[in-house]
PDB file of N, CA and C in Angstrom:
ATOM      1  N   MET A   1       9.945  32.193  23.416  1.00  0.00           N
ATOM      2  CA  MET A   1      10.774  31.164  24.045  1.00  0.00           C
ATOM      3  C   MET A   1      10.182  29.930  23.813  1.00  0.00           C
ATOM      4  N   LEU A   2       8.964  29.730  23.768  1.00  0.00           N
ATOM      5  CA  LEU A   2       8.422  28.351  23.612  1.00  0.00           C
ATOM      6  C   LEU A   2       8.766  27.822  22.273  1.00  0.00           C
ATOM      7  N   ARG A   3       8.744  28.808  21.272  1.00  0.00           N
ATOM      8  CA  ARG A   3       8.927  28.330  19.923  1.00  0.00           C
ATOM      9  C   ARG A   3      10.510  27.773  19.945  1.00  0.00           C
ATOM     10  N   ALA A   4      11.346  28.578  20.634  1.00  0.00           N
ATOM     11  CA  ALA A   4      12.759  28.202  20.545  1.00  0.00           C
ATOM     12  C   ALA A   4      13.036  26.836  21.242  1.00  0.00           C
ATOM     13  N   ALA A   5      12.375  26.702  22.340  1.00  0.00           N
ATOM     14  CA  ALA A   5      12.440  25.440  23.088  1.00  0.00           C
ATOM     15  C   ALA A   5      12.037  24.365  22.230  1.00  0.00           C
ATOM     16  N   TYR A   6      10.763  24.421  21.519  1.00  0.00           N
ATOM     17  CA  TYR A   6      10.361  23.376  20.657  1.00  0.00           C
ATOM     18  C   TYR A   6      11.367  23.008  19.535  1.00  0.00           C
ATOM     19  N   MET A   7      11.782  24.145  18.840  1.00  0.00           N
ATOM     20  CA  MET A   7      12.680  23.831  17.744  1.00  0.00           C
ATOM     21  C   MET A   7      13.951  23.184  18.307  1.00  0.00           C
ATOM     22  N   ALA A   8      14.505  23.620  19.249  1.00  0.00           N
ATOM     23  CA  ALA A   8      15.794  22.947  19.919  1.00  0.00           C
ATOM     24  C   ALA A   8      15.413  21.379  20.054  1.00  0.00           C
ATOM     25  N   GLN A   9      14.382  21.085  20.651  1.00  0.00           N
ATOM     26  CA  GLN A   9      13.962  19.704  20.891  1.00  0.00           C
ATOM     27  C   GLN A   9      13.942  18.995  19.498  1.00  0.00           C
ATOM     28  N   GLU A  10      13.352  19.543  18.549  1.00  0.00           N
ATOM     29  CA  GLU A  10      13.229  19.016  17.193  1.00  0.00           C
ATOM     30  C   GLU A  10      14.563  18.801  16.635  1.00  0.00           C
ATOM     31  N   PHE A  11      15.521  19.912  16.778  1.00  0.00           N
ATOM     32  CA  PHE A  11      16.829  19.670  16.084  1.00  0.00           C
ATOM     33  C   PHE A  11      17.456  18.593  16.900  1.00  0.00           C
ATOM     34  N   LEU A  12      17.471  18.367  18.152  1.00  0.00           N
ATOM     35  CA  LEU A  12      18.141  17.473  18.971  1.00  0.00           C
ATOM     36  C   LEU A  12      17.708  16.093  18.595  1.00  0.00           C
ATOM     37  N   SER A  13      16.424  15.765  18.367  1.00  0.00           N
ATOM     38  CA  SER A  13      15.803  14.610  17.970  1.00  0.00           C
ATOM     39  C   SER A  13      16.205  14.234  16.524  1.00  0.00           C
ATOM     40  N   THR A  14      16.099  15.200  15.840  1.00  0.00           N
ATOM     41  CA  THR A  14      16.313  14.812  14.334  1.00  0.00           C
ATOM     42  C   THR A  14      17.755  14.636  13.996  1.00  0.00           C
ATOM     43  N   PHE A  15      18.716  15.392  14.772  1.00  0.00           N
ATOM     44  CA  PHE A  15      20.138  15.271  14.385  1.00  0.00           C
ATOM     45  C   PHE A  15      20.851  14.734  15.536  1.00  0.00           C
ATOM     46  N   SER A  16      20.380  13.737  16.297  1.00  0.00           N
ATOM     47  CA  SER A  16      20.886  13.185  17.479  1.00  0.00           C
ATOM     48  C   SER A  16      22.365  12.703  17.168  1.00  0.00           C
ATOM     49  N   ASP A  17      22.620  12.061  16.020  1.00  0.00           N
ATOM     50  CA  ASP A  17      23.994  11.621  15.683  1.00  0.00           C
ATOM     51  C   ASP A  17      24.915  12.812  15.191  1.00  0.00           C
ATOM     52  N   GLN A  18      24.387  13.940  14.911  1.00  0.00           N
ATOM     53  CA  GLN A  18      25.211  14.784  14.262  1.00  0.00           C
ATOM     54  C   GLN A  18      25.530  16.142  15.398  1.00  0.00           C
ATOM     55  N   VAL A  19      24.584  16.205  16.225  1.00  0.00           N
ATOM     56  CA  VAL A  19      24.656  17.450  17.038  1.00  0.00           C
ATOM     57  C   VAL A  19      24.951  17.147  18.641  1.00  0.00           C
ATOM     58  N   GLU A  20      25.833  17.677  19.101  1.00  0.00           N
ATOM     59  CA  GLU A  20      26.208  17.483  20.584  1.00  0.00           C
ATOM     60  C   GLU A  20      25.294  18.259  21.480  1.00  0.00           C
ATOM     61  N   ALA A  21      24.945  19.578  20.962  1.00  0.00           N
ATOM     62  CA  ALA A  21      24.206  20.328  21.852  1.00  0.00           C
ATOM     63  C   ALA A  21      23.427  21.424  21.172  1.00  0.00           C
ATOM     64  N   VAL A  22      22.410  21.959  21.731  1.00  0.00           N
ATOM     65  CA  VAL A  22      21.792  23.064  21.065  1.00  0.00           C
ATOM     66  C   VAL A  22      21.708  24.094  22.354  1.00  0.00           C
ATOM     67  N   SER A  23      21.959  25.360  22.055  1.00  0.00           N
ATOM     68  CA  SER A  23      22.033  26.434  23.205  1.00  0.00           C
ATOM     69  C   SER A  23      20.977  27.372  22.759  1.00  0.00           C
ATOM     70  N   LEU A  24      20.297  27.802  23.746  1.00  0.00           N
ATOM     71  CA  LEU A  24      19.280  29.029  23.622  1.00  0.00           C
ATOM     72  C   LEU A  24      19.788  30.065  24.495  1.00  0.00           C
ATOM     73  N   LYS A  25      19.976  31.228  23.734  1.00  0.00           N
ATOM     74  CA  LYS A  25      20.643  32.469  24.264  1.00  0.00           C
ATOM     75  C   LYS A  25      19.559  33.590  24.114  1.00  0.00           C
ATOM     76  N   PRO A  26      19.092  34.184  25.188  1.00  0.00           N
ATOM     77  CA  PRO A  26      18.130  35.318  25.028  1.00  0.00           C
ATOM     78  C   PRO A  26      18.885  36.639  24.275  1.00  0.00           C
ATOM     79  N   GLY A  27      18.079  37.118  23.460  1.00  0.00           N
ATOM     80  CA  GLY A  27      18.867  38.395  22.767  1.00  0.00           C
ATOM     81  C   GLY A  27      18.819  39.508  23.573  1.00  0.00           C
ATOM     82  N   THR A  28      19.401  40.564  23.271  1.00  0.00           N
ATOM     83  CA  THR A  28      19.370  41.748  24.044  1.00  0.00           C
ATOM     84  C   THR A  28      18.500  42.723  23.455  1.00  0.00           C
ATOM     85  N   VAL A  29      17.862  42.471  22.196  1.00  0.00           N
ATOM     86  CA  VAL A  29      16.973  43.102  21.375  1.00  0.00           C
ATOM     87  C   VAL A  29      15.747  42.376  21.094  1.00  0.00           C
ATOM     88  N   SER A  30      14.758  42.864  21.488  1.00  0.00           N
ATOM     89  CA  SER A  30      13.376  42.202  21.232  1.00  0.00           C
ATOM     90  C   SER A  30      13.181  41.927  19.782  1.00  0.00           C
ATOM     91  N   GLY A  31      12.724  40.623  19.543  1.00  0.00           N
ATOM     92  CA  GLY A  31      12.313  40.183  18.253  1.00  0.00           C
ATOM     93  C   GLY A  31      13.459  39.432  17.503  1.00  0.00           C
ATOM     94  N   VAL A  32      14.620  39.327  18.089  1.00  0.00           N
ATOM     95  CA  VAL A  32      15.693  38.621  17.479  1.00  0.00           C
ATOM     96  C   VAL A  32      15.406  37.207  17.632  1.00  0.00           C
ATOM     97  N   TYR A  33      15.838  36.545  16.413  1.00  0.00           N
ATOM     98  CA  TYR A  33      15.575  35.134  16.381  1.00  0.00           C
ATOM     99  C   TYR A  33      16.533  34.490  15.252  1.00  0.00           C
ATOM    100  N   ARG A  34      17.580  34.193  15.757  1.00  0.00           N
ATOM    101  CA  ARG A  34      18.717  33.413  14.711  1.00  0.00           C
ATOM    102  C   ARG A  34      18.965  32.004  15.046  1.00  0.00           C
ATOM    103  N   ILE A  35      19.307  31.461  13.877  1.00  0.00           N
ATOM    104  CA  ILE A  35      19.740  29.980  14.133  1.00  0.00           C
ATOM    105  C   ILE A  35      21.045  29.801  13.482  1.00  0.00           C
ATOM    106  N   SER A  36      22.195  29.484  14.222  1.00  0.00           N
ATOM    107  CA  SER A  36      23.427  29.252  13.879  1.00  0.00           C
ATOM    108  C   SER A  36      23.980  27.883  13.880  1.00  0.00           C
ATOM    109  N   VAL A  37      24.876  27.502  12.902  1.00  0.00           N
ATOM    110  CA  VAL A  37      25.505  26.346  13.017  1.00  0.00           C
ATOM    111  C   VAL A  37      27.048  26.587  12.955  1.00  0.00           C
ATOM    112  N   ASN A  38      27.728  26.204  13.916  1.00  0.00           N
ATOM    113  CA  ASN A  38      29.100  26.512  14.069  1.00  0.00           C
ATOM    114  C   ASN A  38      29.429  27.996  13.989  1.00  0.00           C
ATOM    115  N   ASP A  39      28.726  28.893  14.444  1.00  0.00           N
ATOM    116  CA  ASP A  39      28.935  30.387  14.439  1.00  0.00           C
ATOM    117  C   ASP A  39      28.517  30.745  12.979  1.00  0.00           C
ATOM    118  N   LEU A  40      27.894  30.051  12.238  1.00  0.00           N
ATOM    119  CA  LEU A  40      27.447  30.525  10.838  1.00  0.00           C
ATOM    120  C   LEU A  40      25.916  30.690  10.900  1.00  0.00           C
ATOM    121  N   ILE A  41      25.367  31.824  10.668  1.00  0.00           N
ATOM    122  CA  ILE A  41      24.023  32.152  10.798  1.00  0.00           C
ATOM    123  C   ILE A  41      23.302  31.469   9.417  1.00  0.00           C
ATOM    124  N   ILE A  42      22.450  30.724   9.829  1.00  0.00           N
ATOM    125  CA  ILE A  42      21.755  29.933   8.664  1.00  0.00           C
ATOM    126  C   ILE A  42      20.170  30.362   8.501  1.00  0.00           C
ATOM    127  N   PHE A  43      19.888  31.156   9.498  1.00  0.00           N
ATOM    128  CA  PHE A  43      18.494  31.734   9.467  1.00  0.00           C
ATOM    129  C   PHE A  43      18.454  32.873  10.472  1.00  0.00           C
ATOM    130  N   ASP A  44      17.876  34.018   9.942  1.00  0.00           N
ATOM    131  CA  ASP A  44      17.578  35.214  10.632  1.00  0.00           C
ATOM    132  C   ASP A  44      16.177  35.690  10.529  1.00  0.00           C
ATOM    133  N   ARG A  45      15.472  35.817  11.530  1.00  0.00           N
ATOM    134  CA  ARG A  45      13.886  36.031  11.295  1.00  0.00           C
ATOM    135  C   ARG A  45      13.757  37.363  10.635  1.00  0.00           C
ATOM    136  N   LYS A  46      14.536  38.424  11.159  1.00  0.00           N
ATOM    137  CA  LYS A  46      14.444  39.766  10.466  1.00  0.00           C
ATOM    138  C   LYS A  46      14.862  39.897   9.014  1.00  0.00           C
ATOM    139  N   GLU A  47      15.868  39.110   8.705  1.00  0.00           N
ATOM    140  CA  GLU A  47      16.310  39.060   7.230  1.00  0.00           C
ATOM    141  C   GLU A  47      15.234  38.324   6.444  1.00  0.00           C
ATOM    142  N   ASN A  48      14.656  37.378   6.970  1.00  0.00           N
ATOM    143  CA  ASN A  48      13.582  36.415   6.487  1.00  0.00           C
ATOM    144  C   ASN A  48      12.174  37.215   6.242  1.00  0.00           C
ATOM    145  N   GLY A  49      12.037  37.946   7.077  1.00  0.00           N
ATOM    146  CA  GLY A  49      10.766  38.729   7.189  1.00  0.00           C
ATOM    147  C   GLY A  49       9.728  38.002   7.989  1.00  0.00           C
ATOM    148  N   GLY A  50      10.243  37.004   8.843  1.00  0.00           N
ATOM    149  CA  GLY A  50       9.318  36.315   9.682  1.00  0.00           C
ATOM    150  C   GLY A  50       9.803  34.841   9.966  1.00  0.00           C
ATOM    151  N   PHE A  51       9.058  33.969  10.518  1.00  0.00           N
ATOM    152  CA  PHE A  51       9.604  32.702  10.810  1.00  0.00           C
ATOM    153  C   PHE A  51       9.251  31.724   9.649  1.00  0.00           C
ATOM    154  N   ILE A  52       9.956  30.712   9.624  1.00  0.00           N
ATOM    155  CA  ILE A  52       9.562  29.673   8.623  1.00  0.00           C
ATOM    156  C   ILE A  52       9.364  28.241   9.268  1.00  0.00           C
ATOM    157  N   GLU A  53       8.744  27.417   8.384  1.00  0.00           N
ATOM    158  CA  GLU A  53       8.461  26.091   9.168  1.00  0.00           C
ATOM    159  C   GLU A  53       9.407  25.297   9.574  1.00  0.00           C
ATOM    160  N   ILE A  54       9.313  24.517  10.604  1.00  0.00           N
ATOM    161  CA  ILE A  54      10.315  23.645  11.228  1.00  0.00           C
ATOM    162  C   ILE A  54      10.869  22.706  10.177  1.00  0.00           C
ATOM    163  N   LYS A  55      10.257  22.239   9.139  1.00  0.00           N
ATOM    164  CA  LYS A  55      10.709  21.399   8.182  1.00  0.00           C
ATOM    165  C   LYS A  55      11.691  22.101   7.318  1.00  0.00           C
ATOM    166  N   GLU A  56      11.527  23.395   7.062  1.00  0.00           N
ATOM    167  CA  GLU A  56      12.513  24.187   6.286  1.00  0.00           C
ATOM    168  C   GLU A  56      13.884  24.483   7.004  1.00  0.00           C
ATOM    169  N   LEU A  57      13.657  24.648   8.419  1.00  0.00           N
ATOM    170  CA  LEU A  57      14.790  24.935   9.339  1.00  0.00           C
ATOM    171  C   LEU A  57      15.605  23.522   9.472  1.00  0.00           C
ATOM    172  N   LYS A  58      14.968  22.501   9.374  1.00  0.00           N
ATOM    173  CA  LYS A  58      15.616  21.235   9.573  1.00  0.00           C
ATOM    174  C   LYS A  58      16.312  21.095   8.237  1.00  0.00           C
ATOM    175  N   GLN A  59      15.887  21.477   7.172  1.00  0.00           N
ATOM    176  CA  GLN A  59      16.534  21.173   5.793  1.00  0.00           C
ATOM    177  C   GLN A  59      17.829  22.110   5.813  1.00  0.00           C
ATOM    178  N   LEU A  60      17.731  23.402   6.245  1.00  0.00           N
ATOM    179  CA  LEU A  60      18.871  24.288   6.284  1.00  0.00           C
ATOM    180  C   LEU A  60      19.905  23.784   7.201  1.00  0.00           C
ATOM    181  N   ILE A  61      19.540  23.127   8.355  1.00  0.00           N
ATOM    182  CA  ILE A  61      20.460  22.617   9.223  1.00  0.00           C
ATOM    183  C   ILE A  61      21.016  21.403   8.611  1.00  0.00           C
ATOM    184  N   ARG A  62      20.436  20.556   8.071  1.00  0.00           N
ATOM    185  CA  ARG A  62      20.893  19.270   7.418  1.00  0.00           C
ATOM    186  C   ARG A  62      21.872  19.539   6.351  1.00  0.00           C
ATOM    187  N   ASP A  63      21.609  20.688   5.431  1.00  0.00           N
ATOM    188  CA  ASP A  63      22.403  21.193   4.425  1.00  0.00           C
ATOM    189  C   ASP A  63      23.695  21.513   4.848  1.00  0.00           C
ATOM    190  N   HIS A  64      23.944  21.869   6.206  1.00  0.00           N
ATOM    191  CA  HIS A  64      25.284  22.409   6.670  1.00  0.00           C
ATOM    192  C   HIS A  64      25.869  21.265   7.479  1.00  0.00           C
ATOM    193  N   ILE A  65      25.271  20.370   8.099  1.00  0.00           N
ATOM    194  CA  ILE A  65      25.901  19.320   8.995  1.00  0.00           C
ATOM    195  C   ILE A  65      25.918  18.043   8.436  1.00  0.00           C
ATOM    196  N   ALA A  66      24.879  17.647   7.431  1.00  0.00           N
ATOM    197  CA  ALA A  66      24.912  16.322   6.801  1.00  0.00           C
ATOM    198  C   ALA A  66      24.144  16.413   5.696  1.00  0.00           C
ATOM    199  N   PRO A  67      24.716  16.925   4.500  1.00  0.00           N
ATOM    200  CA  PRO A  67      24.178  16.954   3.160  1.00  0.00           C
ATOM    201  C   PRO A  67      23.421  15.788   2.683  1.00  0.00           C
ATOM    202  N   GLY A  68      23.968  14.575   2.869  1.00  0.00           N
ATOM    203  CA  GLY A  68      23.331  13.490   2.260  1.00  0.00           C
ATOM    204  C   GLY A  68      22.198  12.881   3.054  1.00  0.00           C
ATOM    205  N   MET A  69      22.031  13.388   4.223  1.00  0.00           N
ATOM    206  CA  MET A  69      20.971  12.789   5.221  1.00  0.00           C
ATOM    207  C   MET A  69      19.700  13.022   4.780  1.00  0.00           C
ATOM    208  N   SER A  70      18.726  11.833   4.715  1.00  0.00           N
ATOM    209  CA  SER A  70      17.465  12.017   4.325  1.00  0.00           C
ATOM    210  C   SER A  70      16.643  12.520   5.764  1.00  0.00           C
ATOM    211  N   LEU A  71      15.664  13.401   5.472  1.00  0.00           N
ATOM    212  CA  LEU A  71      14.830  13.840   6.498  1.00  0.00           C
ATOM    213  C   LEU A  71      13.427  13.278   6.411  1.00  0.00           C
ATOM    214  N   GLY A  72      13.360  12.252   5.559  1.00  0.00           N
ATOM    215  CA  GLY A  72      11.999  11.415   5.484  1.00  0.00           C
ATOM    216  C   GLY A  72      10.894  12.339   4.973  1.00  0.00           C
ATOM    217  N   HIS A  73       9.842  12.303   5.691  1.00  0.00           N
ATOM    218  CA  HIS A  73       8.721  13.193   5.123  1.00  0.00           C
ATOM    219  C   HIS A  73       9.043  14.604   5.128  1.00  0.00           C
ATOM    220  N   SER A  74      10.012  15.116   5.950  1.00  0.00           N
ATOM    221  CA  SER A  74      10.437  16.616   5.850  1.00  0.00           C
ATOM    222  C   SER A  74      11.051  16.942   4.536  1.00  0.00           C
ATOM    223  N   ASP A  75      11.415  16.047   3.661  1.00  0.00           N
ATOM    224  CA  ASP A  75      12.133  16.381   2.507  1.00  0.00           C
ATOM    225  C   ASP A  75      11.148  16.323   1.426  1.00  0.00           C
ATOM    226  N   ARG A  76       9.922  15.968   1.612  1.00  0.00           N
ATOM    227  CA  ARG A  76       8.804  16.014   0.564  1.00  0.00           C
ATOM    228  C   ARG A  76       8.488  17.289   0.456  1.00  0.00           C
ATOM    229  N   ARG A  77       7.951  17.631  -0.906  1.00  0.00           N
ATOM    230  CA  ARG A  77       7.384  18.934  -1.161  1.00  0.00           C
ATOM    231  C   ARG A  77       5.959  18.859  -0.993  1.00  0.00           C
ATOM    232  N   GLY A  78       5.403  20.110  -0.623  1.00  0.00           N
ATOM    233  CA  GLY A  78       3.912  20.237  -0.393  1.00  0.00           C
ATOM    234  C   GLY A  78       3.385  19.336   0.741  1.00  0.00           C
ATOM    235  N   GLY A  79       2.064  19.668   0.955  1.00  0.00           N
ATOM    236  CA  GLY A  79       1.424  18.770   1.933  1.00  0.00           C
ATOM    237  C   GLY A  79       0.991  17.384   1.495  1.00  0.00           C
ATOM    238  N   ASP A  80       0.851  17.252   0.086  1.00  0.00           N
ATOM    239  CA  ASP A  80       0.538  15.821  -0.331  1.00  0.00           C
ATOM    240  C   ASP A  80       1.679  14.921  -0.511  1.00  0.00           C
ATOM    241  N   GLY A  81       2.930  15.213  -0.153  1.00  0.00           N
ATOM    242  CA  GLY A  81       3.914  14.290  -0.324  1.00  0.00           C
ATOM    243  C   GLY A  81       4.783  14.201  -1.548  1.00  0.00           C
ATOM    244  N   ARG A  82       4.405  15.166  -2.367  1.00  0.00           N
ATOM    245  CA  ARG A  82       4.938  15.265  -3.722  1.00  0.00           C
ATOM    246  C   ARG A  82       6.063  16.346  -3.814  1.00  0.00           C
TER     247      ARG A  82
END
């Protein structure tokens, strides 16, 4: 639940002009973790085989709600900014 709350806060602050709300909904099955945009699942932990980094999730969300939006340092590849 802490991971979900952290990510929700990150999504709201990054996409404040594009997103009206983020909802957290407990699953009925343990281990379920999905991110949806307008009912379209863009990330599923089980299908992915685990969690991905927040910057990758932001990129997935951006690609669906604001494809031309720059994410600044989150768009850079690798840890050295390349």
